[in-house]
Amino acid sequence: MVADDEGTHAVELCWSDGRTETVRVGSDETVVDAAEAAEIALPYGCLYGACGTCIAELLDGEMTHRRSPRALKDRTLEAGYVLPCIATPETDCRLRIGHDIQAEVVGTPWK
């Protein structure tokens, strides 16, 4: 998986209901920014990596966080989760996304 001539990577967004969308993400933008520009709604809150609302599972590819992903513990990072609000792809990627992932990873006070 290699960037195209424009320096972008394809990021396939996969929801739990089976829907998928692919967005091109430039090296200077985050996944959330690229999705917004393509009019694809993703969950997010703070856009700084602190709240964890946008947490996603990296299924394939490589991503880098632009700053410390404060909302993710080391074990969560090691398990392959990323924060699309501060993450940029290093290769073409596949992400499992949606509101249910935060509850799955972090838990909720109602369970």
N, C-alpha and C. Protein backbone atom coordinates (compact mmCIF):
# COMPACT_ATOMS: atom_id res chain seq x y z
N MET A 1 0.84 -1.18 0.00
CA MET A 1 0.00 0.00 0.00
C MET A 1 0.88 1.24 0.00
N VAL A 2 0.75 2.04 -1.01
CA VAL A 2 1.61 3.19 -1.16
C VAL A 2 0.75 4.41 -1.49
N ALA A 3 1.21 5.57 -1.03
CA ALA A 3 0.49 6.81 -1.32
C ALA A 3 0.46 7.05 -2.82
N ASP A 4 -0.58 7.73 -3.28
CA ASP A 4 -0.65 8.05 -4.69
C ASP A 4 0.19 9.30 -4.97
N ASP A 5 0.14 9.80 -6.19
CA ASP A 5 0.95 10.95 -6.60
C ASP A 5 0.64 12.20 -5.79
N GLU A 6 -0.53 12.30 -5.23
CA GLU A 6 -0.92 13.50 -4.49
C GLU A 6 -0.51 13.40 -3.02
N GLY A 7 0.17 12.33 -2.61
CA GLY A 7 0.58 12.19 -1.22
C GLY A 7 -0.56 11.85 -0.28
N THR A 8 -1.56 11.15 -0.80
CA THR A 8 -2.70 10.75 0.04
C THR A 8 -2.73 9.24 0.18
N HIS A 9 -3.47 8.80 1.19
CA HIS A 9 -3.70 7.38 1.41
C HIS A 9 -5.20 7.14 1.47
N ALA A 10 -5.63 5.98 1.00
CA ALA A 10 -7.02 5.57 1.09
C ALA A 10 -7.26 4.98 2.48
N VAL A 11 -8.29 5.48 3.15
CA VAL A 11 -8.68 4.94 4.45
C VAL A 11 -10.11 4.44 4.33
N GLU A 12 -10.26 3.12 4.46
CA GLU A 12 -11.59 2.52 4.41
C GLU A 12 -12.18 2.55 5.81
N LEU A 13 -13.35 3.14 5.94
CA LEU A 13 -14.06 3.27 7.21
C LEU A 13 -15.14 2.20 7.25
N CYS A 14 -15.12 1.35 8.27
CA CYS A 14 -16.03 0.21 8.36
C CYS A 14 -16.89 0.34 9.61
N TRP A 15 -18.20 0.44 9.44
CA TRP A 15 -19.14 0.51 10.55
C TRP A 15 -19.63 -0.90 10.90
N SER A 16 -20.11 -1.07 12.11
CA SER A 16 -20.56 -2.39 12.57
C SER A 16 -21.79 -2.89 11.83
N ASP A 17 -22.54 -1.98 11.19
CA ASP A 17 -23.72 -2.41 10.43
C ASP A 17 -23.38 -2.89 9.02
N GLY A 18 -22.07 -2.92 8.70
CA GLY A 18 -21.64 -3.41 7.38
C GLY A 18 -21.37 -2.32 6.37
N ARG A 19 -21.76 -1.09 6.66
CA ARG A 19 -21.52 0.02 5.73
C ARG A 19 -20.03 0.34 5.69
N THR A 20 -19.53 0.68 4.51
CA THR A 20 -18.14 1.12 4.37
C THR A 20 -18.09 2.36 3.50
N GLU A 21 -17.12 3.19 3.76
CA GLU A 21 -16.83 4.39 2.95
C GLU A 21 -15.33 4.47 2.86
N THR A 22 -14.82 4.96 1.76
CA THR A 22 -13.38 5.18 1.64
C THR A 22 -13.14 6.66 1.44
N VAL A 23 -12.17 7.18 2.20
CA VAL A 23 -11.81 8.59 2.12
C VAL A 23 -10.32 8.69 1.84
N ARG A 24 -9.93 9.67 1.03
CA ARG A 24 -8.51 9.94 0.76
C ARG A 24 -8.03 10.92 1.82
N VAL A 25 -6.93 10.58 2.50
CA VAL A 25 -6.42 11.41 3.58
C VAL A 25 -5.01 11.86 3.21
N GLY A 26 -4.82 13.17 3.15
CA GLY A 26 -3.52 13.74 2.84
C GLY A 26 -2.57 13.65 4.03
N SER A 27 -1.30 13.78 3.76
CA SER A 27 -0.29 13.68 4.82
C SER A 27 -0.39 14.83 5.81
N ASP A 28 -1.07 15.90 5.44
CA ASP A 28 -1.20 17.06 6.31
C ASP A 28 -2.55 17.15 7.01
N GLU A 29 -3.36 16.09 6.96
CA GLU A 29 -4.67 16.14 7.59
C GLU A 29 -4.95 14.87 8.38
N THR A 30 -5.91 14.97 9.29
CA THR A 30 -6.31 13.81 10.08
C THR A 30 -7.44 13.07 9.36
N VAL A 31 -7.73 11.88 9.83
CA VAL A 31 -8.83 11.09 9.26
C VAL A 31 -10.15 11.83 9.45
N VAL A 32 -10.37 12.39 10.64
CA VAL A 32 -11.62 13.13 10.89
C VAL A 32 -11.73 14.33 9.96
N ASP A 33 -10.66 15.09 9.77
CA ASP A 33 -10.69 16.24 8.87
C ASP A 33 -11.03 15.82 7.44
N ALA A 34 -10.40 14.75 6.96
CA ALA A 34 -10.65 14.27 5.60
C ALA A 34 -12.09 13.78 5.45
N ALA A 35 -12.59 13.08 6.46
CA ALA A 35 -13.97 12.58 6.42
C ALA A 35 -14.96 13.75 6.39
N GLU A 36 -14.71 14.75 7.22
CA GLU A 36 -15.58 15.94 7.23
C GLU A 36 -15.59 16.60 5.85
N ALA A 37 -14.42 16.75 5.24
CA ALA A 37 -14.33 17.37 3.91
C ALA A 37 -15.10 16.56 2.87
N ALA A 38 -15.16 15.24 3.06
CA ALA A 38 -15.88 14.36 2.13
C ALA A 38 -17.34 14.17 2.54
N GLU A 39 -17.78 14.91 3.56
CA GLU A 39 -19.15 14.86 4.08
C GLU A 39 -19.51 13.47 4.59
N ILE A 40 -18.55 12.83 5.26
CA ILE A 40 -18.76 11.55 5.93
C ILE A 40 -18.73 11.82 7.42
N ALA A 41 -19.82 11.54 8.10
CA ALA A 41 -19.92 11.84 9.53
C ALA A 41 -19.23 10.76 10.36
N LEU A 42 -18.27 11.18 11.17
CA LEU A 42 -17.60 10.31 12.13
C LEU A 42 -17.84 10.86 13.53
N PRO A 43 -17.89 9.98 14.52
CA PRO A 43 -18.02 10.49 15.88
C PRO A 43 -16.71 11.15 16.33
N TYR A 44 -16.81 12.29 16.97
CA TYR A 44 -15.65 12.93 17.58
C TYR A 44 -16.14 13.93 18.61
N GLY A 45 -15.24 14.33 19.48
CA GLY A 45 -15.58 15.30 20.51
C GLY A 45 -14.60 16.45 20.52
N CYS A 46 -13.45 16.22 21.13
CA CYS A 46 -12.52 17.31 21.42
C CYS A 46 -11.58 17.69 20.27
N LEU A 47 -11.27 16.79 19.39
CA LEU A 47 -10.30 16.96 18.30
C LEU A 47 -8.86 17.15 18.80
N TYR A 48 -8.60 16.79 20.06
CA TYR A 48 -7.26 16.91 20.63
C TYR A 48 -6.73 15.59 21.19
N GLY A 49 -7.49 14.50 21.06
CA GLY A 49 -7.03 13.21 21.56
C GLY A 49 -7.24 12.99 23.04
N ALA A 50 -8.10 13.79 23.65
CA ALA A 50 -8.30 13.70 25.09
C ALA A 50 -9.58 12.97 25.49
N CYS A 51 -10.62 13.02 24.68
CA CYS A 51 -11.92 12.50 25.12
C CYS A 51 -12.17 11.04 24.74
N GLY A 52 -11.62 10.57 23.64
CA GLY A 52 -11.82 9.19 23.21
C GLY A 52 -13.10 8.93 22.46
N THR A 53 -13.88 9.94 22.16
CA THR A 53 -15.14 9.75 21.45
C THR A 53 -14.94 9.11 20.09
N CYS A 54 -13.85 9.42 19.43
CA CYS A 54 -13.61 8.96 18.05
C CYS A 54 -12.85 7.64 17.97
N ILE A 55 -12.55 6.99 19.07
CA ILE A 55 -11.72 5.79 19.07
C ILE A 55 -12.14 4.82 17.97
N ALA A 56 -11.14 4.28 17.27
CA ALA A 56 -11.36 3.34 16.17
C ALA A 56 -10.34 2.22 16.25
N GLU A 57 -10.70 1.07 15.70
CA GLU A 57 -9.78 -0.06 15.66
C GLU A 57 -9.09 -0.08 14.30
N LEU A 58 -7.77 -0.08 14.32
CA LEU A 58 -6.99 -0.16 13.09
C LEU A 58 -6.93 -1.62 12.66
N LEU A 59 -7.63 -1.96 11.58
CA LEU A 59 -7.71 -3.33 11.08
C LEU A 59 -6.54 -3.68 10.17
N ASP A 60 -6.13 -2.73 9.36
CA ASP A 60 -5.02 -2.90 8.41
C ASP A 60 -4.31 -1.57 8.23
N GLY A 61 -3.02 -1.62 7.97
CA GLY A 61 -2.26 -0.42 7.68
C GLY A 61 -1.55 0.15 8.89
N GLU A 62 -0.98 1.34 8.69
CA GLU A 62 -0.24 2.01 9.74
C GLU A 62 -0.70 3.46 9.85
N MET A 63 -0.86 3.91 11.10
CA MET A 63 -1.23 5.29 11.37
C MET A 63 -0.31 5.86 12.43
N THR A 64 -0.16 7.19 12.41
CA THR A 64 0.63 7.90 13.40
C THR A 64 -0.24 8.96 14.04
N HIS A 65 -0.14 9.09 15.35
CA HIS A 65 -0.84 10.17 16.05
C HIS A 65 0.02 11.44 15.99
N ARG A 66 -0.59 12.57 15.68
CA ARG A 66 0.11 13.85 15.60
C ARG A 66 0.59 14.35 16.96
N ARG A 67 -0.09 13.92 18.00
CA ARG A 67 0.28 14.27 19.37
C ARG A 67 -0.05 13.08 20.24
N SER A 68 0.28 13.14 21.49
CA SER A 68 0.03 12.04 22.40
C SER A 68 -1.47 11.76 22.50
N PRO A 69 -1.87 10.51 22.24
CA PRO A 69 -3.30 10.14 22.33
C PRO A 69 -3.68 9.92 23.80
N ARG A 70 -3.94 10.99 24.51
CA ARG A 70 -4.18 10.93 25.95
C ARG A 70 -5.37 10.06 26.33
N ALA A 71 -6.33 9.90 25.46
CA ALA A 71 -7.52 9.11 25.77
C ALA A 71 -7.28 7.60 25.69
N LEU A 72 -6.12 7.19 25.19
CA LEU A 72 -5.82 5.76 25.05
C LEU A 72 -4.74 5.33 26.02
N LYS A 73 -5.00 4.25 26.71
CA LYS A 73 -3.99 3.65 27.58
C LYS A 73 -3.02 2.84 26.71
N ASP A 74 -1.84 2.55 27.25
CA ASP A 74 -0.84 1.80 26.49
C ASP A 74 -1.39 0.48 25.98
N ARG A 75 -2.15 -0.25 26.81
CA ARG A 75 -2.68 -1.55 26.39
C ARG A 75 -3.67 -1.40 25.22
N THR A 76 -4.39 -0.28 25.20
CA THR A 76 -5.33 -0.02 24.11
C THR A 76 -4.58 0.30 22.82
N LEU A 77 -3.53 1.07 22.92
CA LEU A 77 -2.69 1.36 21.76
C LEU A 77 -2.07 0.08 21.22
N GLU A 78 -1.56 -0.75 22.12
CA GLU A 78 -0.94 -2.01 21.72
C GLU A 78 -1.95 -2.96 21.08
N ALA A 79 -3.22 -2.84 21.46
CA ALA A 79 -4.27 -3.68 20.89
C ALA A 79 -4.71 -3.19 19.51
N GLY A 80 -4.18 -2.03 19.07
CA GLY A 80 -4.46 -1.57 17.72
C GLY A 80 -5.53 -0.51 17.59
N TYR A 81 -5.80 0.23 18.65
CA TYR A 81 -6.79 1.29 18.57
C TYR A 81 -6.11 2.63 18.33
N VAL A 82 -6.80 3.51 17.62
CA VAL A 82 -6.28 4.83 17.28
C VAL A 82 -7.36 5.88 17.51
N LEU A 83 -6.93 7.13 17.51
CA LEU A 83 -7.86 8.26 17.61
C LEU A 83 -7.84 9.02 16.28
N PRO A 84 -8.84 8.81 15.42
CA PRO A 84 -8.85 9.45 14.11
C PRO A 84 -8.83 10.97 14.13
N CYS A 85 -9.16 11.58 15.26
CA CYS A 85 -9.14 13.05 15.33
C CYS A 85 -7.73 13.60 15.32
N ILE A 86 -6.73 12.77 15.70
CA ILE A 86 -5.34 13.22 15.70
C ILE A 86 -4.43 12.27 14.93
N ALA A 87 -5.01 11.32 14.20
CA ALA A 87 -4.23 10.31 13.48
C ALA A 87 -4.18 10.59 11.99
N THR A 88 -3.00 10.33 11.42
CA THR A 88 -2.81 10.42 9.98
C THR A 88 -2.27 9.07 9.48
N PRO A 89 -2.69 8.63 8.31
CA PRO A 89 -2.22 7.34 7.80
C PRO A 89 -0.81 7.43 7.24
N GLU A 90 -0.04 6.37 7.49
CA GLU A 90 1.29 6.22 6.89
C GLU A 90 1.20 5.33 5.65
N THR A 91 0.12 4.55 5.57
CA THR A 91 -0.15 3.65 4.44
C THR A 91 -1.66 3.70 4.21
N ASP A 92 -2.15 3.01 3.19
CA ASP A 92 -3.58 2.81 3.06
C ASP A 92 -4.02 2.01 4.29
N CYS A 93 -5.22 2.27 4.78
CA CYS A 93 -5.67 1.66 6.05
C CYS A 93 -7.13 1.25 5.99
N ARG A 94 -7.49 0.40 6.94
CA ARG A 94 -8.89 0.06 7.21
C ARG A 94 -9.14 0.32 8.69
N LEU A 95 -10.22 1.03 9.00
CA LEU A 95 -10.58 1.34 10.38
C LEU A 95 -11.99 0.86 10.68
N ARG A 96 -12.17 0.22 11.82
CA ARG A 96 -13.51 -0.08 12.32
C ARG A 96 -13.90 1.10 13.19
N ILE A 97 -14.99 1.76 12.83
CA ILE A 97 -15.38 3.00 13.49
C ILE A 97 -16.82 2.95 13.97
N GLY A 98 -17.19 3.91 14.79
CA GLY A 98 -18.57 4.05 15.25
C GLY A 98 -18.62 4.29 16.75
N HIS A 99 -19.76 4.79 17.19
CA HIS A 99 -19.96 5.12 18.61
C HIS A 99 -19.79 3.92 19.53
N ASP A 100 -20.13 2.74 19.06
CA ASP A 100 -20.08 1.55 19.90
C ASP A 100 -18.66 1.15 20.31
N ILE A 101 -17.66 1.58 19.57
CA ILE A 101 -16.29 1.17 19.87
C ILE A 101 -15.79 1.79 21.17
N GLN A 102 -16.12 3.04 21.43
CA GLN A 102 -15.69 3.67 22.68
C GLN A 102 -16.22 2.89 23.88
N ALA A 103 -17.49 2.53 23.85
CA ALA A 103 -18.09 1.77 24.96
C ALA A 103 -17.45 0.39 25.07
N GLU A 104 -17.14 -0.22 23.95
CA GLU A 104 -16.50 -1.53 23.92
C GLU A 104 -15.11 -1.50 24.55
N VAL A 105 -14.35 -0.46 24.25
CA VAL A 105 -12.97 -0.37 24.71
C VAL A 105 -12.86 0.23 26.11
N VAL A 106 -13.56 1.32 26.33
CA VAL A 106 -13.46 2.06 27.58
C VAL A 106 -14.47 1.57 28.60
N GLY A 107 -15.60 1.09 28.12
CA GLY A 107 -16.69 0.71 29.03
C GLY A 107 -17.60 1.90 29.27
N THR A 108 -18.70 1.65 29.91
CA THR A 108 -19.65 2.71 30.24
C THR A 108 -20.04 2.55 31.71
N PRO A 109 -20.44 3.62 32.34
CA PRO A 109 -20.85 3.52 33.74
C PRO A 109 -22.21 2.84 33.92
N TRP A 110 -22.91 2.56 32.81
CA TRP A 110 -24.25 1.99 32.89
C TRP A 110 -24.25 0.48 32.83
N LYS A 111 -23.10 -0.15 32.65
CA LYS A 111 -23.04 -1.61 32.56
C LYS A 111 -22.74 -2.20 33.90
